[in-house]
Amino acid sequence: MADMEKDPLSGKETTGHEWDGLKELNTPLPKWWLYTLYATILWAIGYWIIYPAWPSLTDYTKGVLGYSSRAELAETMDRVRDSRSAWMARFETTAVGDIKKDAELFTYAAAGGRAIFADNCAPCHAAGGSGGAGYPSLADDDWIWGGDIDSIYTTIRFGARGNHDDTRTSDMPAFGTDEILDEQDIAAVADHVLSLTGGPANGQGERVYADQCAACHGEAGTGNMDLGAPNLADAIWLYGDSRDAVIAQVAAPKHGVMPAWEGRIDPVSLKQVAIYVHSLGGGQ
């Protein structure tokens, strides 16, 4: 092989490549770089041999060590469950209403309930249970079926207007759609409902309310938790506080649905999230 041309300035050989009068020097890669490259190649080959690496049509190479990230996760979860077993046993044997009496257990429950709430409940009830349009706030003192810890636990466990045999149920008649009341009476009773929170009085609406609504909502409109009839006198509205919104709810009421969480989350998680909801500030 003929000697390569040397660059007159650096004295190094050129590759013979030239662009616009510029000649490429034949500069070899640094030794350390080459050794690093060879080491990574050897490392990759060793990795393919030791660990699972190559897929096939029906399986994959298991590797000399037989390592499995899924098996490692299962072992980790087993250790976590073992470390929590004492706590779980205490939750299982303690009634939800008695958890608050045990400061240590209550602290654990509230922390676990916060995480469970964030994963399962916050998409509807918002972070911190502040609620939204059509989704009740869990941080105020307005409760349809009761705000004590046992009532909250029952509502979470069995749901509201769902498919569970023990679900909470309360259906308000569609006074307009079912032609129970005419438009004039519906408007009048809506005015009376608004008067319970400071609106002007409506004599006709008061009479219609007494005939059609007081049996469930009470004469003063304070509701009835045994029937799941909401309080109409506390200025807390689920579907809007305007006259049109109240008229619409009387004429063709909306009925929210919450799934039963029994079977969706384990019994201990049910207690924990009930404790957390009760601790948001509105629990009775």
C-alpha atoms as a PDB file:
ATOM      1  CA  MET A   1       0.000   0.000   0.000  1.00  0.00           C
ATOM      2  CA  ALA A   2       1.402   3.375  -1.039  1.00  0.00           C
ATOM      3  CA  ASP A   3       2.309   5.861   1.644  1.00  0.00           C
ATOM      4  CA  MET A   4      -0.504   8.289   2.413  1.00  0.00           C
ATOM      5  CA  GLU A   5       0.089  11.965   1.763  1.00  0.00           C
ATOM      6  CA  LYS A   6       1.105  13.914   4.853  1.00  0.00           C
ATOM      7  CA  ASP A   7      -0.257  17.263   5.890  1.00  0.00           C
ATOM      8  CA  PRO A   8       2.593  19.812   5.736  1.00  0.00           C
ATOM      9  CA  LEU A   9       1.444  21.736   8.825  1.00  0.00           C
ATOM     10  CA  SER A  10       0.671  18.900  11.284  1.00  0.00           C
ATOM     11  CA  GLY A  11       2.849  16.221   9.748  1.00  0.00           C
ATOM     12  CA  LYS A  12      -0.039  13.722  10.001  1.00  0.00           C
ATOM     13  CA  GLU A  13      -1.182  11.449   7.201  1.00  0.00           C
ATOM     14  CA  THR A  14      -4.354  12.366   5.347  1.00  0.00           C
ATOM     15  CA  THR A  15      -7.155   9.999   4.312  1.00  0.00           C
ATOM     16  CA  GLY A  16      -7.061  11.168   0.714  1.00  0.00           C
ATOM     17  CA  HIS A  17     -10.412  12.897   1.078  1.00  0.00           C
ATOM     18  CA  GLU A  18     -10.470  16.527   0.020  1.00  0.00           C
ATOM     19  CA  TRP A  19     -13.229  19.181  -0.022  1.00  0.00           C
ATOM     20  CA  ASP A  20     -12.622  22.611  -1.482  1.00  0.00           C
ATOM     21  CA  GLY A  21      -8.919  22.280  -0.830  1.00  0.00           C
ATOM     22  CA  LEU A  22      -9.376  21.013   2.727  1.00  0.00           C
ATOM     23  CA  LYS A  23      -7.821  17.595   3.347  1.00  0.00           C
ATOM     24  CA  GLU A  24      -9.056  15.205   6.037  1.00  0.00           C
ATOM     25  CA  LEU A  25      -6.436  14.103   8.552  1.00  0.00           C
ATOM     26  CA  ASN A  26      -6.209  10.414   9.338  1.00  0.00           C
ATOM     27  CA  THR A  27      -6.525  10.848  13.122  1.00  0.00           C
ATOM     28  CA  PRO A  28      -7.196   7.577  14.992  1.00  0.00           C
ATOM     29  CA  LEU A  29      -9.740   7.412  17.835  1.00  0.00           C
ATOM     30  CA  PRO A  30      -8.315   7.718  21.362  1.00  0.00           C
ATOM     31  CA  LYS A  31      -7.398   4.417  22.951  1.00  0.00           C
ATOM     32  CA  TRP A  32      -9.623   5.018  25.966  1.00  0.00           C
ATOM     33  CA  TRP A  33     -12.608   5.586  23.654  1.00  0.00           C
ATOM     34  CA  LEU A  34     -12.001   2.349  21.771  1.00  0.00           C
ATOM     35  CA  TYR A  35     -11.548   0.378  24.987  1.00  0.00           C
ATOM     36  CA  THR A  36     -14.807   1.820  26.341  1.00  0.00           C
ATOM     37  CA  LEU A  37     -16.607   0.800  23.165  1.00  0.00           C
ATOM     38  CA  TYR A  38     -15.249  -2.747  23.367  1.00  0.00           C
ATOM     39  CA  ALA A  39     -16.219  -2.946  27.038  1.00  0.00           C
ATOM     40  CA  THR A  40     -19.802  -1.930  26.317  1.00  0.00           C
ATOM     41  CA  ILE A  41     -20.033  -4.545  23.577  1.00  0.00           C
ATOM     42  CA  LEU A  42     -18.823  -7.224  25.994  1.00  0.00           C
ATOM     43  CA  TRP A  43     -21.236  -5.912  28.650  1.00  0.00           C
ATOM     44  CA  ALA A  44     -24.173  -6.141  26.206  1.00  0.00           C
ATOM     45  CA  ILE A  45     -23.295  -9.717  25.283  1.00  0.00           C
ATOM     46  CA  GLY A  46     -23.052 -10.655  28.945  1.00  0.00           C
ATOM     47  CA  TYR A  47     -26.365  -8.958  29.670  1.00  0.00           C
ATOM     48  CA  TRP A  48     -28.084 -10.919  26.874  1.00  0.00           C
ATOM     49  CA  ILE A  49     -26.773 -14.145  28.387  1.00  0.00           C
ATOM     50  CA  ILE A  50     -27.555 -13.420  32.041  1.00  0.00           C
ATOM     51  CA  TYR A  51     -30.903 -11.564  31.833  1.00  0.00           C
ATOM     52  CA  PRO A  52     -34.080 -12.046  29.754  1.00  0.00           C
ATOM     53  CA  ALA A  53     -33.411 -10.344  26.461  1.00  0.00           C
ATOM     54  CA  TRP A  54     -34.568 -11.811  23.160  1.00  0.00           C
ATOM     55  CA  PRO A  55     -38.232 -12.336  22.244  1.00  0.00           C
ATOM     56  CA  SER A  56     -39.396 -15.282  20.181  1.00  0.00           C
ATOM     57  CA  LEU A  57     -42.718 -16.020  18.515  1.00  0.00           C
ATOM     58  CA  THR A  58     -44.170 -17.575  21.672  1.00  0.00           C
ATOM     59  CA  ASP A  59     -41.789 -16.759  24.528  1.00  0.00           C
ATOM     60  CA  TYR A  60     -38.470 -15.062  25.315  1.00  0.00           C
ATOM     61  CA  THR A  61     -34.994 -16.026  26.477  1.00  0.00           C
ATOM     62  CA  LYS A  62     -35.063 -16.391  30.266  1.00  0.00           C
ATOM     63  CA  GLY A  63     -31.366 -15.727  30.887  1.00  0.00           C
ATOM     64  CA  VAL A  64     -28.966 -17.643  33.112  1.00  0.00           C
ATOM     65  CA  LEU A  65     -30.263 -15.924  36.280  1.00  0.00           C
ATOM     66  CA  GLY A  66     -33.931 -16.435  35.405  1.00  0.00           C
ATOM     67  CA  TYR A  67     -34.621 -12.874  36.597  1.00  0.00           C
ATOM     68  CA  SER A  68     -38.169 -11.480  36.316  1.00  0.00           C
ATOM     69  CA  SER A  69     -39.154  -7.913  37.173  1.00  0.00           C
ATOM     70  CA  ARG A  70     -42.721  -9.129  37.657  1.00  0.00           C
ATOM     71  CA  ALA A  71     -41.579 -11.702  40.209  1.00  0.00           C
ATOM     72  CA  GLU A  72     -39.470  -9.039  41.939  1.00  0.00           C
ATOM     73  CA  LEU A  73     -42.510  -6.748  42.162  1.00  0.00           C
ATOM     74  CA  ALA A  74     -44.604  -9.588  43.563  1.00  0.00           C
ATOM     75  CA  GLU A  75     -41.976 -10.219  46.242  1.00  0.00           C
ATOM     76  CA  THR A  76     -41.876  -6.513  47.089  1.00  0.00           C
ATOM     77  CA  MET A  77     -45.668  -6.348  47.373  1.00  0.00           C
ATOM     78  CA  ASP A  78     -45.639  -9.438  49.597  1.00  0.00           C
ATOM     79  CA  ARG A  79     -43.168  -7.713  51.914  1.00  0.00           C
ATOM     80  CA  VAL A  80     -45.352  -4.586  51.965  1.00  0.00           C
ATOM     81  CA  ARG A  81     -48.428  -6.653  52.785  1.00  0.00           C
ATOM     82  CA  ASP A  82     -46.528  -8.440  55.550  1.00  0.00           C
ATOM     83  CA  SER A  83     -45.409  -5.121  57.025  1.00  0.00           C
ATOM     84  CA  ARG A  84     -48.999  -3.853  56.949  1.00  0.00           C
ATOM     85  CA  SER A  85     -50.602  -7.025  58.250  1.00  0.00           C
ATOM     86  CA  ALA A  86     -50.683  -5.857  61.859  1.00  0.00           C
ATOM     87  CA  TRP A  87     -52.380  -2.620  60.838  1.00  0.00           C
ATOM     88  CA  MET A  88     -54.838  -4.425  58.598  1.00  0.00           C
ATOM     89  CA  ALA A  89     -55.791  -6.781  61.410  1.00  0.00           C
ATOM     90  CA  ARG A  90     -56.514  -3.834  63.673  1.00  0.00           C
ATOM     91  CA  PHE A  91     -58.695  -2.193  61.015  1.00  0.00           C
ATOM     92  CA  GLU A  92     -60.581  -5.402  60.338  1.00  0.00           C
ATOM     93  CA  THR A  93     -61.436  -5.894  64.002  1.00  0.00           C
ATOM     94  CA  THR A  94     -62.257  -2.249  64.777  1.00  0.00           C
ATOM     95  CA  ALA A  95     -65.645  -0.774  63.894  1.00  0.00           C
ATOM     96  CA  VAL A  96     -65.365   2.281  61.661  1.00  0.00           C
ATOM     97  CA  GLY A  97     -66.977   4.427  64.346  1.00  0.00           C
ATOM     98  CA  ASP A  98     -64.332   3.415  66.886  1.00  0.00           C
ATOM     99  CA  ILE A  99     -61.273   4.096  64.733  1.00  0.00           C
ATOM    100  CA  LYS A 100     -61.234   7.765  65.703  1.00  0.00           C
ATOM    101  CA  LYS A 101     -60.887   6.763  69.368  1.00  0.00           C
ATOM    102  CA  ASP A 102     -57.484   5.227  68.586  1.00  0.00           C
ATOM    103  CA  ALA A 103     -55.203   8.173  67.724  1.00  0.00           C
ATOM    104  CA  GLU A 104     -52.535   5.981  66.081  1.00  0.00           C
ATOM    105  CA  LEU A 105     -55.055   4.036  64.021  1.00  0.00           C
ATOM    106  CA  PHE A 106     -56.914   7.219  63.055  1.00  0.00           C
ATOM    107  CA  THR A 107     -53.713   8.863  61.772  1.00  0.00           C
ATOM    108  CA  TYR A 108     -52.916   5.799  59.674  1.00  0.00           C
ATOM    109  CA  ALA A 109     -56.500   5.666  58.362  1.00  0.00           C
ATOM    110  CA  ALA A 110     -56.605   9.340  57.394  1.00  0.00           C
ATOM    111  CA  ALA A 111     -53.319   9.064  55.477  1.00  0.00           C
ATOM    112  CA  GLY A 112     -54.421   5.920  53.652  1.00  0.00           C
ATOM    113  CA  GLY A 113     -57.878   7.365  53.012  1.00  0.00           C
ATOM    114  CA  ARG A 114     -56.372  10.474  51.413  1.00  0.00           C
ATOM    115  CA  ALA A 115     -54.525   8.345  48.857  1.00  0.00           C
ATOM    116  CA  ILE A 116     -57.592   6.174  48.196  1.00  0.00           C
ATOM    117  CA  PHE A 117     -59.757   9.284  47.785  1.00  0.00           C
ATOM    118  CA  ALA A 118     -57.299  10.829  45.322  1.00  0.00           C
ATOM    119  CA  ASP A 119     -57.319   7.675  43.180  1.00  0.00           C
ATOM    120  CA  ASN A 120     -61.048   6.912  43.244  1.00  0.00           C
ATOM    121  CA  CYS A 121     -63.150   9.862  44.415  1.00  0.00           C
ATOM    122  CA  ALA A 122     -61.391  13.101  43.445  1.00  0.00           C
ATOM    123  CA  PRO A 123     -62.311  12.851  39.722  1.00  0.00           C
ATOM    124  CA  CYS A 124     -65.934  13.582  40.719  1.00  0.00           C
ATOM    125  CA  HIS A 125     -65.743  15.235  44.142  1.00  0.00           C
ATOM    126  CA  ALA A 126     -62.518  17.189  43.379  1.00  0.00           C
ATOM    127  CA  ALA A 127     -59.371  17.387  45.463  1.00  0.00           C
ATOM    128  CA  GLY A 128     -60.184  17.960  49.100  1.00  0.00           C
ATOM    129  CA  GLY A 129     -63.810  17.006  48.485  1.00  0.00           C
ATOM    130  CA  SER A 130     -64.797  20.507  47.354  1.00  0.00           C
ATOM    131  CA  GLY A 131     -67.246  19.100  44.803  1.00  0.00           C
ATOM    132  CA  GLY A 132     -68.440  20.628  41.560  1.00  0.00           C
ATOM    133  CA  ALA A 133     -71.505  21.094  39.365  1.00  0.00           C
ATOM    134  CA  GLY A 134     -73.680  18.046  39.982  1.00  0.00           C
ATOM    135  CA  TYR A 135     -71.188  16.524  42.430  1.00  0.00           C
ATOM    136  CA  PRO A 136     -71.749  17.313  46.126  1.00  0.00           C
ATOM    137  CA  SER A 137     -69.120  18.914  48.302  1.00  0.00           C
ATOM    138  CA  LEU A 138     -67.910  16.620  51.064  1.00  0.00           C
ATOM    139  CA  ALA A 139     -66.312  19.447  53.023  1.00  0.00           C
ATOM    140  CA  ASP A 140     -69.472  21.302  54.078  1.00  0.00           C
ATOM    141  CA  ASP A 141     -72.135  20.325  56.610  1.00  0.00           C
ATOM    142  CA  ASP A 142     -74.865  19.452  54.098  1.00  0.00           C
ATOM    143  CA  TRP A 143     -75.542  15.705  54.045  1.00  0.00           C
ATOM    144  CA  ILE A 144     -78.467  13.970  52.352  1.00  0.00           C
ATOM    145  CA  TRP A 145     -78.106  10.658  54.209  1.00  0.00           C
ATOM    146  CA  GLY A 146     -76.194  11.854  57.263  1.00  0.00           C
ATOM    147  CA  GLY A 147     -72.693  13.092  57.969  1.00  0.00           C
ATOM    148  CA  ASP A 148     -71.695  10.982  60.955  1.00  0.00           C
ATOM    149  CA  ILE A 149     -68.934   8.455  60.337  1.00  0.00           C
ATOM    150  CA  ASP A 150     -71.251   5.439  60.180  1.00  0.00           C
ATOM    151  CA  SER A 151     -73.596   7.141  57.697  1.00  0.00           C
ATOM    152  CA  ILE A 152     -70.703   8.214  55.468  1.00  0.00           C
ATOM    153  CA  TYR A 153     -69.288   4.684  55.567  1.00  0.00           C
ATOM    154  CA  THR A 154     -72.679   3.224  54.582  1.00  0.00           C
ATOM    155  CA  THR A 155     -73.068   5.661  51.678  1.00  0.00           C
ATOM    156  CA  ILE A 156     -69.584   4.906  50.346  1.00  0.00           C
ATOM    157  CA  ARG A 157     -70.020   1.187  50.814  1.00  0.00           C
ATOM    158  CA  PHE A 158     -73.412   0.810  49.109  1.00  0.00           C
ATOM    159  CA  GLY A 159     -73.466   3.869  46.843  1.00  0.00           C
ATOM    160  CA  ALA A 160     -76.357   6.087  45.868  1.00  0.00           C
ATOM    161  CA  ARG A 161     -79.039   5.100  43.367  1.00  0.00           C
ATOM    162  CA  GLY A 162     -76.765   2.369  42.077  1.00  0.00           C
ATOM    163  CA  ASN A 163     -77.011  -1.353  41.437  1.00  0.00           C
ATOM    164  CA  HIS A 164     -76.245  -2.606  44.938  1.00  0.00           C
ATOM    165  CA  ASP A 165     -79.182  -4.199  46.763  1.00  0.00           C
ATOM    166  CA  ASP A 166     -78.592  -1.869  49.728  1.00  0.00           C
ATOM    167  CA  THR A 167     -77.871   1.282  47.752  1.00  0.00           C
ATOM    168  CA  ARG A 168     -79.073   4.629  49.070  1.00  0.00           C
ATOM    169  CA  THR A 169     -82.213   5.639  47.173  1.00  0.00           C
ATOM    170  CA  SER A 170     -84.260   8.825  47.045  1.00  0.00           C
ATOM    171  CA  ASP A 171     -86.177   9.785  43.929  1.00  0.00           C
ATOM    172  CA  MET A 172     -88.011  13.085  43.703  1.00  0.00           C
ATOM    173  CA  PRO A 173     -91.129  13.036  41.525  1.00  0.00           C
ATOM    174  CA  ALA A 174     -90.928  14.812  38.173  1.00  0.00           C
ATOM    175  CA  PHE A 175     -93.692  17.314  38.931  1.00  0.00           C
ATOM    176  CA  GLY A 176     -93.635  18.756  35.429  1.00  0.00           C
ATOM    177  CA  THR A 177     -92.816  15.763  33.241  1.00  0.00           C
ATOM    178  CA  ASP A 178     -95.378  13.599  35.049  1.00  0.00           C
ATOM    179  CA  GLU A 179     -97.938  16.441  34.970  1.00  0.00           C
ATOM    180  CA  ILE A 180     -98.372  16.465  38.739  1.00  0.00           C
ATOM    181  CA  LEU A 181     -98.174  20.278  38.765  1.00  0.00           C
ATOM    182  CA  ASP A 182     -98.742  22.839  36.040  1.00  0.00           C
ATOM    183  CA  GLU A 183     -96.146  25.420  35.049  1.00  0.00           C
ATOM    184  CA  GLN A 184     -97.666  28.118  37.256  1.00  0.00           C
ATOM    185  CA  ASP A 185     -97.560  25.943  40.369  1.00  0.00           C
ATOM    186  CA  ILE A 186     -94.008  24.799  39.591  1.00  0.00           C
ATOM    187  CA  ALA A 187     -92.824  28.390  39.266  1.00  0.00           C
ATOM    188  CA  ALA A 188     -94.657  29.332  42.480  1.00  0.00           C
ATOM    189  CA  VAL A 189     -93.172  26.467  44.520  1.00  0.00           C
ATOM    190  CA  ALA A 190     -89.713  27.289  43.154  1.00  0.00           C
ATOM    191  CA  ASP A 191     -90.191  30.857  44.427  1.00  0.00           C
ATOM    192  CA  HIS A 192     -91.182  29.486  47.819  1.00  0.00           C
ATOM    193  CA  VAL A 193     -88.095  27.260  47.955  1.00  0.00           C
ATOM    194  CA  LEU A 194     -85.921  30.274  47.162  1.00  0.00           C
ATOM    195  CA  SER A 195     -87.706  32.247  49.888  1.00  0.00           C
ATOM    196  CA  LEU A 196     -86.337  29.747  52.420  1.00  0.00           C
ATOM    197  CA  THR A 197     -82.894  31.256  51.829  1.00  0.00           C
ATOM    198  CA  GLY A 198     -83.911  34.912  51.688  1.00  0.00           C
ATOM    199  CA  GLY A 199     -86.001  35.274  48.534  1.00  0.00           C
ATOM    200  CA  PRO A 200     -89.419  36.966  48.460  1.00  0.00           C
ATOM    201  CA  ALA A 201     -92.366  35.006  49.832  1.00  0.00           C
ATOM    202  CA  ASN A 202     -94.913  33.389  47.540  1.00  0.00           C
ATOM    203  CA  GLY A 203     -98.250  32.438  49.099  1.00  0.00           C
ATOM    204  CA  GLN A 204     -99.299  30.138  46.289  1.00  0.00           C
ATOM    205  CA  GLY A 205     -95.905  28.421  46.347  1.00  0.00           C
ATOM    206  CA  GLU A 206     -96.127  27.968  50.098  1.00  0.00           C
ATOM    207  CA  ARG A 207     -99.463  26.169  49.716  1.00  0.00           C
ATOM    208  CA  VAL A 208     -98.158  23.948  46.894  1.00  0.00           C
ATOM    209  CA  TYR A 209     -95.055  23.166  48.941  1.00  0.00           C
ATOM    210  CA  ALA A 210     -97.163  22.165  51.957  1.00  0.00           C
ATOM    211  CA  ASP A 211     -99.245  19.822  49.796  1.00  0.00           C
ATOM    212  CA  GLN A 212     -96.506  18.283  47.651  1.00  0.00           C
ATOM    213  CA  CYS A 213     -93.067  18.754  49.226  1.00  0.00           C
ATOM    214  CA  ALA A 214     -93.264  19.124  53.007  1.00  0.00           C
ATOM    215  CA  ALA A 215     -93.793  15.394  53.580  1.00  0.00           C
ATOM    216  CA  CYS A 216     -90.193  14.730  52.477  1.00  0.00           C
ATOM    217  CA  HIS A 217     -88.360  18.036  52.877  1.00  0.00           C
ATOM    218  CA  GLY A 218     -90.088  19.107  56.097  1.00  0.00           C
ATOM    219  CA  GLU A 219     -92.325  22.090  56.744  1.00  0.00           C
ATOM    220  CA  ALA A 220     -89.339  24.406  57.097  1.00  0.00           C
ATOM    221  CA  GLY A 221     -87.488  22.769  54.193  1.00  0.00           C
ATOM    222  CA  THR A 222     -84.700  21.441  56.401  1.00  0.00           C
ATOM    223  CA  GLY A 223     -84.800  18.005  54.783  1.00  0.00           C
ATOM    224  CA  ASN A 224     -85.039  14.471  56.089  1.00  0.00           C
ATOM    225  CA  MET A 225     -81.955  12.276  56.156  1.00  0.00           C
ATOM    226  CA  ASP A 226     -84.018   9.139  56.736  1.00  0.00           C
ATOM    227  CA  LEU A 227     -85.627   9.688  53.324  1.00  0.00           C
ATOM    228  CA  GLY A 228     -82.590  11.164  51.604  1.00  0.00           C
ATOM    229  CA  ALA A 229     -84.449  14.456  51.122  1.00  0.00           C
ATOM    230  CA  PRO A 230     -81.963  17.359  50.971  1.00  0.00           C
ATOM    231  CA  ASN A 231     -82.103  20.500  53.061  1.00  0.00           C
ATOM    232  CA  LEU A 232     -83.588  23.345  50.986  1.00  0.00           C
ATOM    233  CA  ALA A 233     -82.994  26.063  53.588  1.00  0.00           C
ATOM    234  CA  ASP A 234     -79.200  26.086  53.879  1.00  0.00           C
ATOM    235  CA  ALA A 235     -78.342  27.905  50.613  1.00  0.00           C
ATOM    236  CA  ILE A 236     -76.305  24.921  49.406  1.00  0.00           C
ATOM    237  CA  TRP A 237     -77.373  23.898  45.909  1.00  0.00           C
ATOM    238  CA  LEU A 238     -76.238  20.918  43.870  1.00  0.00           C
ATOM    239  CA  TYR A 239     -77.738  21.882  40.508  1.00  0.00           C
ATOM    240  CA  GLY A 240     -77.801  25.666  40.759  1.00  0.00           C
ATOM    241  CA  ASP A 241     -79.421  28.377  42.867  1.00  0.00           C
ATOM    242  CA  SER A 242     -81.069  30.437  40.143  1.00  0.00           C
ATOM    243  CA  ARG A 243     -84.855  30.498  39.748  1.00  0.00           C
ATOM    244  CA  ASP A 244     -84.602  28.721  36.389  1.00  0.00           C
ATOM    245  CA  ALA A 245     -82.393  26.009  37.912  1.00  0.00           C
ATOM    246  CA  VAL A 246     -84.833  25.379  40.768  1.00  0.00           C
ATOM    247  CA  ILE A 247     -87.802  25.315  38.369  1.00  0.00           C
ATOM    248  CA  ALA A 248     -85.962  22.797  36.172  1.00  0.00           C
ATOM    249  CA  GLN A 249     -85.200  20.581  39.162  1.00  0.00           C
ATOM    250  CA  VAL A 250     -88.840  20.618  40.301  1.00  0.00           C
ATOM    251  CA  ALA A 251     -90.177  19.942  36.799  1.00  0.00           C
ATOM    252  CA  ALA A 252     -87.688  17.215  35.773  1.00  0.00           C
ATOM    253  CA  PRO A 253     -85.285  16.484  38.621  1.00  0.00           C
ATOM    254  CA  LYS A 254     -81.763  15.226  38.119  1.00  0.00           C
ATOM    255  CA  HIS A 255     -80.717  12.310  40.295  1.00  0.00           C
ATOM    256  CA  GLY A 256     -77.022  11.751  40.822  1.00  0.00           C
ATOM    257  CA  VAL A 257     -75.571   8.259  40.938  1.00  0.00           C
ATOM    258  CA  MET A 258     -72.566   7.080  42.941  1.00  0.00           C
ATOM    259  CA  PRO A 259     -71.328   3.504  42.534  1.00  0.00           C
ATOM    260  CA  ALA A 260     -71.154   1.113  45.457  1.00  0.00           C
ATOM    261  CA  TRP A 261     -67.504   0.847  46.458  1.00  0.00           C
ATOM    262  CA  GLU A 262     -67.978  -2.473  48.196  1.00  0.00           C
ATOM    263  CA  GLY A 263     -66.217  -4.971  45.960  1.00  0.00           C
ATOM    264  CA  ARG A 264     -64.293  -2.228  44.158  1.00  0.00           C
ATOM    265  CA  ILE A 265     -61.958  -1.579  47.072  1.00  0.00           C
ATOM    266  CA  ASP A 266     -61.206  -3.844  50.020  1.00  0.00           C
ATOM    267  CA  PRO A 267     -63.051  -3.545  53.367  1.00  0.00           C
ATOM    268  CA  VAL A 268     -60.123  -1.840  55.098  1.00  0.00           C
ATOM    269  CA  SER A 269     -59.888   0.761  52.327  1.00  0.00           C
ATOM    270  CA  LEU A 270     -63.623   1.426  52.716  1.00  0.00           C
ATOM    271  CA  LYS A 271     -63.068   2.310  56.368  1.00  0.00           C
ATOM    272  CA  GLN A 272     -60.028   4.431  55.609  1.00  0.00           C
ATOM    273  CA  VAL A 273     -61.706   6.553  52.944  1.00  0.00           C
ATOM    274  CA  ALA A 274     -64.775   7.001  55.164  1.00  0.00           C
ATOM    275  CA  ILE A 275     -62.489   8.275  57.940  1.00  0.00           C
ATOM    276  CA  TYR A 276     -60.813  10.670  55.500  1.00  0.00           C
ATOM    277  CA  VAL A 277     -64.103  12.045  54.146  1.00  0.00           C
ATOM    278  CA  HIS A 278     -65.382  12.530  57.682  1.00  0.00           C
ATOM    279  CA  SER A 279     -62.202  14.442  58.546  1.00  0.00           C
ATOM    280  CA  LEU A 280     -62.578  16.931  55.680  1.00  0.00           C
ATOM    281  CA  GLY A 281     -64.508  19.252  57.934  1.00  0.00           C
ATOM    282  CA  GLY A 282     -68.155  18.580  57.213  1.00  0.00           C
ATOM    283  CA  GLY A 283     -68.574  15.374  59.159  1.00  0.00           C
ATOM    284  CA  GLN A 284     -71.106  15.394  61.956  1.00  0.00           C
END
